[in-house]
Amino acid sequence: MCIAAPAQIIEIDSEDNVATVDFGGVRQQVKLDLVDDVEEGKYVLVHSGYAIEVMSDEAARESLEAWDELLKALEEEDNLEL
């Protein structure tokens, strides 16, 4: 199974077609070869170091909420095992 995660574009290096993105505090560089019309502040889905889709604001919000719920559930599960 492959998972793509939402990240916000912080900075774009148009010369190298690379963006610095933020995954909730963790920053990483991703290639922009597979997407068009990107701009700073927008959200993209990232898989294997590539932005694969530019997300609407609503889709980004929904996706981030789902990730938060998943992380909370995993944290609760870890706490139960202790």
PDB file of N, CA and C in Angstrom:
ATOM      1  N   MET A   1       0.845  -1.169   0.000  1.00  0.00           N
ATOM      2  CA  MET A   1       0.000   0.000   0.000  1.00  0.00           C
ATOM      3  C   MET A   1       0.892   1.235   0.000  1.00  0.00           C
ATOM      4  N   CYS A   2       0.492   2.235  -0.767  1.00  0.00           N
ATOM      5  CA  CYS A   2       1.222   3.499  -0.837  1.00  0.00           C
ATOM      6  C   CYS A   2       0.394   4.586  -0.174  1.00  0.00           C
ATOM      7  N   ILE A   3       1.072   5.456   0.551  1.00  0.00           N
ATOM      8  CA  ILE A   3       0.379   6.538   1.239  1.00  0.00           C
ATOM      9  C   ILE A   3       0.976   7.860   0.796  1.00  0.00           C
ATOM     10  N   ALA A   4       0.093   8.789   0.439  1.00  0.00           N
ATOM     11  CA  ALA A   4       0.512  10.153   0.136  1.00  0.00           C
ATOM     12  C   ALA A   4       0.066  11.026   1.307  1.00  0.00           C
ATOM     13  N   ALA A   5       0.911  11.951   1.701  1.00  0.00           N
ATOM     14  CA  ALA A   5       0.614  12.805   2.852  1.00  0.00           C
ATOM     15  C   ALA A   5       0.493  14.260   2.399  1.00  0.00           C
ATOM     16  N   PRO A   6      -0.427  15.001   3.018  1.00  0.00           N
ATOM     17  CA  PRO A   6      -0.570  16.419   2.666  1.00  0.00           C
ATOM     18  C   PRO A   6       0.537  17.254   3.306  1.00  0.00           C
ATOM     19  N   ALA A   7       1.015  18.235   2.553  1.00  0.00           N
ATOM     20  CA  ALA A   7       2.043  19.142   3.060  1.00  0.00           C
ATOM     21  C   ALA A   7       1.813  20.523   2.464  1.00  0.00           C
ATOM     22  N   GLN A   8       2.152  21.544   3.236  1.00  0.00           N
ATOM     23  CA  GLN A   8       1.996  22.917   2.769  1.00  0.00           C
ATOM     24  C   GLN A   8       3.296  23.409   2.137  1.00  0.00           C
ATOM     25  N   ILE A   9       3.167  24.059   0.994  1.00  0.00           N
ATOM     26  CA  ILE A   9       4.336  24.604   0.310  1.00  0.00           C
ATOM     27  C   ILE A   9       4.794  25.862   1.040  1.00  0.00           C
ATOM     28  N   ILE A  10       6.054  25.857   1.465  1.00  0.00           N
ATOM     29  CA  ILE A  10       6.644  26.984   2.183  1.00  0.00           C
ATOM     30  C   ILE A  10       7.431  27.869   1.229  1.00  0.00           C
ATOM     31  N   GLU A  11       8.183  27.237   0.341  1.00  0.00           N
ATOM     32  CA  GLU A  11       9.049  27.976  -0.570  1.00  0.00           C
ATOM     33  C   GLU A  11       9.214  27.178  -1.859  1.00  0.00           C
ATOM     34  N   ILE A  12       9.294  27.881  -2.983  1.00  0.00           N
ATOM     35  CA  ILE A  12       9.480  27.224  -4.278  1.00  0.00           C
ATOM     36  C   ILE A  12      10.774  27.710  -4.911  1.00  0.00           C
ATOM     37  N   ASP A  13      11.586  26.754  -5.349  1.00  0.00           N
ATOM     38  CA  ASP A  13      12.793  27.044  -6.121  1.00  0.00           C
ATOM     39  C   ASP A  13      12.458  26.694  -7.563  1.00  0.00           C
ATOM     40  N   SER A  14      12.014  27.681  -8.331  1.00  0.00           N
ATOM     41  CA  SER A  14      11.549  27.420  -9.692  1.00  0.00           C
ATOM     42  C   SER A  14      12.688  27.004 -10.627  1.00  0.00           C
ATOM     43  N   GLU A  15      13.915  27.399 -10.301  1.00  0.00           N
ATOM     44  CA  GLU A  15      15.055  27.006 -11.133  1.00  0.00           C
ATOM     45  C   GLU A  15      15.244  25.496 -11.121  1.00  0.00           C
ATOM     46  N   ASP A  16      15.122  24.880  -9.937  1.00  0.00           N
ATOM     47  CA  ASP A  16      15.293  23.431  -9.804  1.00  0.00           C
ATOM     48  C   ASP A  16      13.966  22.677  -9.788  1.00  0.00           C
ATOM     49  N   ASN A  17      12.847  23.402  -9.844  1.00  0.00           N
ATOM     50  CA  ASN A  17      11.505  22.813  -9.795  1.00  0.00           C
ATOM     51  C   ASN A  17      11.309  21.965  -8.529  1.00  0.00           C
ATOM     52  N   VAL A  18      11.715  22.552  -7.402  1.00  0.00           N
ATOM     53  CA  VAL A  18      11.650  21.900  -6.094  1.00  0.00           C
ATOM     54  C   VAL A  18      10.954  22.847  -5.121  1.00  0.00           C
ATOM     55  N   ALA A  19      10.204  22.275  -4.203  1.00  0.00           N
ATOM     56  CA  ALA A  19       9.567  23.078  -3.165  1.00  0.00           C
ATOM     57  C   ALA A  19       9.982  22.562  -1.797  1.00  0.00           C
ATOM     58  N   THR A  20      10.078  23.474  -0.859  1.00  0.00           N
ATOM     59  CA  THR A  20      10.214  23.097   0.544  1.00  0.00           C
ATOM     60  C   THR A  20       8.796  23.051   1.088  1.00  0.00           C
ATOM     61  N   VAL A  21       8.421  21.911   1.663  1.00  0.00           N
ATOM     62  CA  VAL A  21       7.074  21.730   2.193  1.00  0.00           C
ATOM     63  C   VAL A  21       7.136  21.444   3.682  1.00  0.00           C
ATOM     64  N   ASP A  22       6.009  21.646   4.337  1.00  0.00           N
ATOM     65  CA  ASP A  22       5.908  21.456   5.786  1.00  0.00           C
ATOM     66  C   ASP A  22       4.858  20.402   6.087  1.00  0.00           C
ATOM     67  N   PHE A  23       5.283  19.345   6.754  1.00  0.00           N
ATOM     68  CA  PHE A  23       4.397  18.279   7.243  1.00  0.00           C
ATOM     69  C   PHE A  23       4.176  18.495   8.734  1.00  0.00           C
ATOM     70  N   GLY A  24       3.438  19.509   9.120  1.00  0.00           N
ATOM     71  CA  GLY A  24       3.155  19.744  10.531  1.00  0.00           C
ATOM     72  C   GLY A  24       4.403  19.974  11.367  1.00  0.00           C
ATOM     73  N   GLY A  25       5.345  20.726  10.845  1.00  0.00           N
ATOM     74  CA  GLY A  25       6.564  21.033  11.585  1.00  0.00           C
ATOM     75  C   GLY A  25       7.798  20.355  11.037  1.00  0.00           C
ATOM     76  N   VAL A  26       7.636  19.340  10.228  1.00  0.00           N
ATOM     77  CA  VAL A  26       8.762  18.654   9.600  1.00  0.00           C
ATOM     78  C   VAL A  26       8.851  19.148   8.161  1.00  0.00           C
ATOM     79  N   ARG A  27      10.011  19.704   7.813  1.00  0.00           N
ATOM     80  CA  ARG A  27      10.189  20.253   6.468  1.00  0.00           C
ATOM     81  C   ARG A  27      11.014  19.312   5.609  1.00  0.00           C
ATOM     82  N   GLN A  28      10.669  19.299   4.326  1.00  0.00           N
ATOM     83  CA  GLN A  28      11.335  18.421   3.378  1.00  0.00           C
ATOM     84  C   GLN A  28      11.262  19.069   1.997  1.00  0.00           C
ATOM     85  N   GLN A  29      12.206  18.737   1.150  1.00  0.00           N
ATOM     86  CA  GLN A  29      12.134  19.198  -0.221  1.00  0.00           C
ATOM     87  C   GLN A  29      11.472  18.135  -1.074  1.00  0.00           C
ATOM     88  N   VAL A  30      10.606  18.586  -1.987  1.00  0.00           N
ATOM     89  CA  VAL A  30       9.918  17.672  -2.897  1.00  0.00           C
ATOM     90  C   VAL A  30      10.020  18.207  -4.318  1.00  0.00           C
ATOM     91  N   LYS A  31      10.034  17.300  -5.264  1.00  0.00           N
ATOM     92  CA  LYS A  31      10.048  17.661  -6.677  1.00  0.00           C
ATOM     93  C   LYS A  31       8.637  18.040  -7.119  1.00  0.00           C
ATOM     94  N   LEU A  32       8.568  18.994  -8.041  1.00  0.00           N
ATOM     95  CA  LEU A  32       7.286  19.498  -8.540  1.00  0.00           C
ATOM     96  C   LEU A  32       7.028  19.078  -9.986  1.00  0.00           C
ATOM     97  N   ASP A  33       7.740  18.091 -10.477  1.00  0.00           N
ATOM     98  CA  ASP A  33       7.648  17.686 -11.877  1.00  0.00           C
ATOM     99  C   ASP A  33       6.265  17.187 -12.289  1.00  0.00           C
ATOM    100  N   LEU A  34       5.476  16.705 -11.350  1.00  0.00           N
ATOM    101  CA  LEU A  34       4.195  16.075 -11.685  1.00  0.00           C
ATOM    102  C   LEU A  34       2.982  16.978 -11.493  1.00  0.00           C
ATOM    103  N   VAL A  35       3.201  18.221 -11.061  1.00  0.00           N
ATOM    104  CA  VAL A  35       2.076  19.130 -10.798  1.00  0.00           C
ATOM    105  C   VAL A  35       2.287  20.478 -11.483  1.00  0.00           C
ATOM    106  N   ASP A  36       1.196  21.156 -11.736  1.00  0.00           N
ATOM    107  CA  ASP A  36       1.221  22.493 -12.318  1.00  0.00           C
ATOM    108  C   ASP A  36       0.543  23.462 -11.362  1.00  0.00           C
ATOM    109  N   ASP A  37       0.740  24.744 -11.629  1.00  0.00           N
ATOM    110  CA  ASP A  37       0.034  25.799 -10.894  1.00  0.00           C
ATOM    111  C   ASP A  37       0.215  25.713  -9.384  1.00  0.00           C
ATOM    112  N   VAL A  38       1.442  25.502  -8.931  1.00  0.00           N
ATOM    113  CA  VAL A  38       1.718  25.484  -7.495  1.00  0.00           C
ATOM    114  C   VAL A  38       2.124  26.880  -7.048  1.00  0.00           C
ATOM    115  N   GLU A  39       1.832  27.178  -5.802  1.00  0.00           N
ATOM    116  CA  GLU A  39       2.247  28.458  -5.226  1.00  0.00           C
ATOM    117  C   GLU A  39       2.430  28.292  -3.737  1.00  0.00           C
ATOM    118  N   GLU A  40       3.231  29.161  -3.166  1.00  0.00           N
ATOM    119  CA  GLU A  40       3.489  29.108  -1.734  1.00  0.00           C
ATOM    120  C   GLU A  40       2.181  29.260  -0.968  1.00  0.00           C
ATOM    121  N   GLY A  41       2.037  28.467   0.104  1.00  0.00           N
ATOM    122  CA  GLY A  41       0.837  28.494   0.923  1.00  0.00           C
ATOM    123  C   GLY A  41      -0.175  27.425   0.557  1.00  0.00           C
ATOM    124  N   LYS A  42      -0.086  26.895  -0.661  1.00  0.00           N
ATOM    125  CA  LYS A  42      -1.001  25.831  -1.082  1.00  0.00           C
ATOM    126  C   LYS A  42      -0.550  24.496  -0.507  1.00  0.00           C
ATOM    127  N   TYR A  43      -1.473  23.542  -0.491  1.00  0.00           N
ATOM    128  CA  TYR A  43      -1.172  22.190  -0.033  1.00  0.00           C
ATOM    129  C   TYR A  43      -1.055  21.251  -1.223  1.00  0.00           C
ATOM    130  N   VAL A  44      -0.147  20.291  -1.091  1.00  0.00           N
ATOM    131  CA  VAL A  44       0.025  19.255  -2.098  1.00  0.00           C
ATOM    132  C   VAL A  44       0.058  17.898  -1.404  1.00  0.00           C
ATOM    133  N   LEU A  45      -0.317  16.862  -2.150  1.00  0.00           N
ATOM    134  CA  LEU A  45      -0.122  15.496  -1.673  1.00  0.00           C
ATOM    135  C   LEU A  45       1.275  15.077  -2.095  1.00  0.00           C
ATOM    136  N   VAL A  46       2.024  14.502  -1.165  1.00  0.00           N
ATOM    137  CA  VAL A  46       3.418  14.123  -1.427  1.00  0.00           C
ATOM    138  C   VAL A  46       3.560  12.613  -1.279  1.00  0.00           C
ATOM    139  N   HIS A  47       4.201  12.017  -2.282  1.00  0.00           N
ATOM    140  CA  HIS A  47       4.487  10.582  -2.242  1.00  0.00           C
ATOM    141  C   HIS A  47       5.889  10.373  -2.815  1.00  0.00           C
ATOM    142  N   SER A  48       6.723   9.700  -2.070  1.00  0.00           N
ATOM    143  CA  SER A  48       8.081   9.344  -2.512  1.00  0.00           C
ATOM    144  C   SER A  48       8.882  10.535  -3.018  1.00  0.00           C
ATOM    145  N   GLY A  49       8.740  11.663  -2.329  1.00  0.00           N
ATOM    146  CA  GLY A  49       9.541  12.823  -2.670  1.00  0.00           C
ATOM    147  C   GLY A  49       9.004  13.679  -3.800  1.00  0.00           C
ATOM    148  N   TYR A  50       7.810  13.356  -4.289  1.00  0.00           N
ATOM    149  CA  TYR A  50       7.184  14.117  -5.364  1.00  0.00           C
ATOM    150  C   TYR A  50       5.827  14.637  -4.932  1.00  0.00           C
ATOM    151  N   ALA A  51       5.541  15.886  -5.277  1.00  0.00           N
ATOM    152  CA  ALA A  51       4.178  16.394  -5.136  1.00  0.00           C
ATOM    153  C   ALA A  51       3.386  15.757  -6.274  1.00  0.00           C
ATOM    154  N   ILE A  52       2.299  15.062  -5.940  1.00  0.00           N
ATOM    155  CA  ILE A  52       1.548  14.351  -6.978  1.00  0.00           C
ATOM    156  C   ILE A  52       0.190  14.993  -7.258  1.00  0.00           C
ATOM    157  N   GLU A  53      -0.237  15.921  -6.397  1.00  0.00           N
ATOM    158  CA  GLU A  53      -1.527  16.580  -6.609  1.00  0.00           C
ATOM    159  C   GLU A  53      -1.576  17.876  -5.806  1.00  0.00           C
ATOM    160  N   VAL A  54      -2.093  18.936  -6.434  1.00  0.00           N
ATOM    161  CA  VAL A  54      -2.353  20.182  -5.717  1.00  0.00           C
ATOM    162  C   VAL A  54      -3.748  20.045  -5.115  1.00  0.00           C
ATOM    163  N   MET A  55      -3.864  20.323  -3.817  1.00  0.00           N
ATOM    164  CA  MET A  55      -5.132  20.128  -3.111  1.00  0.00           C
ATOM    165  C   MET A  55      -5.892  21.444  -2.980  1.00  0.00           C
ATOM    166  N   SER A  56      -7.213  21.346  -3.020  1.00  0.00           N
ATOM    167  CA  SER A  56      -8.036  22.506  -2.693  1.00  0.00           C
ATOM    168  C   SER A  56      -7.919  22.754  -1.192  1.00  0.00           C
ATOM    169  N   ASP A  57      -8.267  23.954  -0.764  1.00  0.00           N
ATOM    170  CA  ASP A  57      -8.199  24.255   0.675  1.00  0.00           C
ATOM    171  C   ASP A  57      -9.090  23.310   1.469  1.00  0.00           C
ATOM    172  N   GLU A  58     -10.274  23.007   0.948  1.00  0.00           N
ATOM    173  CA  GLU A  58     -11.209  22.116   1.652  1.00  0.00           C
ATOM    174  C   GLU A  58     -10.653  20.693   1.736  1.00  0.00           C
ATOM    175  N   ALA A  59     -10.113  20.199   0.631  1.00  0.00           N
ATOM    176  CA  ALA A  59      -9.544  18.843   0.637  1.00  0.00           C
ATOM    177  C   ALA A  59      -8.354  18.761   1.592  1.00  0.00           C
ATOM    178  N   ALA A  60      -7.538  19.803   1.630  1.00  0.00           N
ATOM    179  CA  ALA A  60      -6.396  19.816   2.538  1.00  0.00           C
ATOM    180  C   ALA A  60      -6.867  19.782   3.987  1.00  0.00           C
ATOM    181  N   ARG A  61      -7.863  20.589   4.327  1.00  0.00           N
ATOM    182  CA  ARG A  61      -8.385  20.616   5.695  1.00  0.00           C
ATOM    183  C   ARG A  61      -8.924  19.253   6.083  1.00  0.00           C
ATOM    184  N   GLU A  62      -9.724  18.632   5.204  1.00  0.00           N
ATOM    185  CA  GLU A  62     -10.302  17.319   5.503  1.00  0.00           C
ATOM    186  C   GLU A  62      -9.207  16.259   5.669  1.00  0.00           C
ATOM    187  N   SER A  63      -8.215  16.308   4.816  1.00  0.00           N
ATOM    188  CA  SER A  63      -7.129  15.340   4.887  1.00  0.00           C
ATOM    189  C   SER A  63      -6.316  15.507   6.166  1.00  0.00           C
ATOM    190  N   LEU A  64      -6.021  16.750   6.527  1.00  0.00           N
ATOM    191  CA  LEU A  64      -5.267  17.003   7.762  1.00  0.00           C
ATOM    192  C   LEU A  64      -6.055  16.565   8.985  1.00  0.00           C
ATOM    193  N   GLU A  65      -7.369  16.767   8.983  1.00  0.00           N
ATOM    194  CA  GLU A  65      -8.207  16.305  10.100  1.00  0.00           C
ATOM    195  C   GLU A  65      -8.171  14.783  10.200  1.00  0.00           C
ATOM    196  N   ALA A  66      -8.216  14.100   9.059  1.00  0.00           N
ATOM    197  CA  ALA A  66      -8.165  12.634   9.062  1.00  0.00           C
ATOM    198  C   ALA A  66      -6.819  12.142   9.596  1.00  0.00           C
ATOM    199  N   TRP A  67      -5.717  12.792   9.196  1.00  0.00           N
ATOM    200  CA  TRP A  67      -4.399  12.422   9.707  1.00  0.00           C
ATOM    201  C   TRP A  67      -4.327  12.629  11.215  1.00  0.00           C
ATOM    202  N   ASP A  68      -4.897  13.752  11.707  1.00  0.00           N
ATOM    203  CA  ASP A  68      -4.901  14.014  13.151  1.00  0.00           C
ATOM    204  C   ASP A  68      -5.648  12.918  13.903  1.00  0.00           C
ATOM    205  N   GLU A  69      -6.796  12.498  13.371  1.00  0.00           N
ATOM    206  CA  GLU A  69      -7.573  11.429  14.010  1.00  0.00           C
ATOM    207  C   GLU A  69      -6.783  10.128  14.031  1.00  0.00           C
ATOM    208  N   LEU A  70      -6.122   9.808  12.941  1.00  0.00           N
ATOM    209  CA  LEU A  70      -5.322   8.590  12.877  1.00  0.00           C
ATOM    210  C   LEU A  70      -4.187   8.625  13.891  1.00  0.00           C
ATOM    211  N   LEU A  71      -3.487   9.744  13.954  1.00  0.00           N
ATOM    212  CA  LEU A  71      -2.371   9.860  14.899  1.00  0.00           C
ATOM    213  C   LEU A  71      -2.843   9.768  16.345  1.00  0.00           C
ATOM    214  N   LYS A  72      -3.987  10.361  16.661  1.00  0.00           N
ATOM    215  CA  LYS A  72      -4.539  10.260  18.017  1.00  0.00           C
ATOM    216  C   LYS A  72      -4.896   8.815  18.343  1.00  0.00           C
ATOM    217  N   ALA A  73      -5.501   8.109  17.391  1.00  0.00           N
ATOM    218  CA  ALA A  73      -5.874   6.711  17.618  1.00  0.00           C
ATOM    219  C   ALA A  73      -4.633   5.853  17.840  1.00  0.00           C
ATOM    220  N   LEU A  74      -3.591   6.087  17.054  1.00  0.00           N
ATOM    221  CA  LEU A  74      -2.353   5.326  17.228  1.00  0.00           C
ATOM    222  C   LEU A  74      -1.698   5.621  18.573  1.00  0.00           C
ATOM    223  N   GLU A  75      -1.744   6.875  18.989  1.00  0.00           N
ATOM    224  CA  GLU A  75      -1.184   7.261  20.284  1.00  0.00           C
ATOM    225  C   GLU A  75      -1.953   6.594  21.428  1.00  0.00           C
ATOM    226  N   GLU A  76      -3.276   6.578  21.334  1.00  0.00           N
ATOM    227  CA  GLU A  76      -4.091   5.920  22.356  1.00  0.00           C
ATOM    228  C   GLU A  76      -3.809   4.431  22.425  1.00  0.00           C
ATOM    229  N   GLU A  77      -3.636   3.818  21.240  1.00  0.00           N
ATOM    230  CA  GLU A  77      -3.326   2.393  21.177  1.00  0.00           C
ATOM    231  C   GLU A  77      -1.986   2.109  21.856  1.00  0.00           C
ATOM    232  N   ASP A  78      -0.999   2.962  21.593  1.00  0.00           N
ATOM    233  CA  ASP A  78       0.312   2.807  22.230  1.00  0.00           C
ATOM    234  C   ASP A  78       0.211   2.930  23.733  1.00  0.00           C
ATOM    235  N   ASN A  79      -0.595   3.872  24.230  1.00  0.00           N
ATOM    236  CA  ASN A  79      -0.763   4.069  25.662  1.00  0.00           C
ATOM    237  C   ASN A  79      -1.453   2.881  26.322  1.00  0.00           C
ATOM    238  N   LEU A  80      -2.357   2.218  25.606  1.00  0.00           N
ATOM    239  CA  LEU A  80      -3.037   1.044  26.159  1.00  0.00           C
ATOM    240  C   LEU A  80      -2.083  -0.135  26.310  1.00  0.00           C
ATOM    241  N   GLU A  81      -1.111  -0.225  25.421  1.00  0.00           N
ATOM    242  CA  GLU A  81      -0.173  -1.348  25.462  1.00  0.00           C
ATOM    243  C   GLU A  81       0.848  -1.227  26.583  1.00  0.00           C
ATOM    244  N   LEU A  82       1.027  -0.038  27.104  1.00  0.00           N
ATOM    245  CA  LEU A  82       2.013   0.153  28.170  1.00  0.00           C
ATOM    246  C   LEU A  82       1.467  -0.432  29.411  1.00  0.00           C
TER     247      LEU A  82
END
